[in-house]
Amino acid sequence: MRKIIALAAVAAALMASACNTVEGLGRDAQAAGAAVTGAASDMKR
């Protein structure tokens, strides 16, 4: 029973860190998209 609880705790910690990583990746992609949009707008002018 202790092994199952320990395994569940480790799995929860890994899932929480993965969510933070994916969230950070999403923010980075959004920032890159905004930069490309801004550059394209500047080129039109």
Protein backbone atom coordinates (compact mmCIF):
# COMPACT_ATOMS: atom_id res chain seq x y z
CA MET A 1 0.00 0.00 0.00
CA ARG A 2 2.86 2.40 0.77
CA LYS A 3 4.34 1.79 -2.68
CA ILE A 4 1.05 2.73 -4.33
CA ILE A 5 0.79 5.94 -2.30
CA ALA A 6 4.40 6.85 -3.07
CA LEU A 7 3.89 6.11 -6.76
CA ALA A 8 0.73 8.24 -6.82
CA ALA A 9 2.57 11.13 -5.15
CA VAL A 10 5.41 10.94 -7.69
CA ALA A 11 2.94 10.75 -10.58
CA ALA A 12 1.05 13.79 -9.27
CA ALA A 13 4.27 15.77 -8.97
CA LEU A 14 5.31 14.87 -12.51
CA MET A 15 1.91 15.80 -13.91
CA ALA A 16 1.97 19.16 -12.12
CA SER A 17 5.41 19.98 -13.48
CA ALA A 18 4.35 18.93 -16.98
CA CYS A 19 1.38 21.31 -16.82
CA ASN A 20 3.70 24.18 -15.93
CA THR A 21 6.00 23.26 -18.80
CA VAL A 22 3.18 23.14 -21.33
CA GLU A 23 1.79 26.42 -20.03
CA GLY A 24 5.20 28.06 -20.40
CA LEU A 25 5.57 26.66 -23.90
CA GLY A 26 2.18 28.12 -24.81
CA ARG A 27 3.23 31.54 -23.55
CA ASP A 28 6.47 31.35 -25.54
CA ALA A 29 4.59 30.39 -28.71
CA GLN A 30 2.12 33.22 -28.15
CA ALA A 31 4.94 35.73 -27.71
CA ALA A 32 6.65 34.48 -30.88
CA GLY A 33 3.38 34.79 -32.80
CA ALA A 34 2.92 38.35 -31.56
CA ALA A 35 6.44 39.22 -32.67
CA VAL A 36 5.83 37.82 -36.15
CA THR A 37 2.51 39.68 -36.39
CA GLY A 38 4.19 42.90 -35.33
CA ALA A 39 6.98 42.46 -37.86
CA ALA A 40 4.48 41.76 -40.62
CA SER A 41 2.52 44.88 -39.70
CA ASP A 42 5.69 46.96 -39.79
CA MET A 43 6.55 45.62 -43.25
CA LYS A 44 3.13 46.65 -44.63
CA ARG A 45 3.63 50.27 -43.64
